[in-house]
Amino acid sequence: MSQVPSELQDRVEQTQMFHEILEHRWYIGEQAGHDLGLDFATKDYIENILPFRTYVGVSVPGIHEPPSK
């Protein structure tokens, strides 16, 4: 978790973030057709998912699920 910029560290609790990174690793691996590795998944999560999280317990629709109607 030392890779997470300080301004994003309060977005998700560390244990939840680790779980989400593992889930993200699976998701992007499925899209790519092979495992992209934990380092790649962590970097991709920090760059493309975490900035769109607001605060602990709050997620933004459209990241991995369709928006509510």
Foldseek 3Di string as FASTA:
>chain_A
DVPADPVLCQLEDPVVLVVVLVVQQVVVCVVVVHGPDSVVSNVCCRPPASVQRDGYPGHDAPPPHHDDD
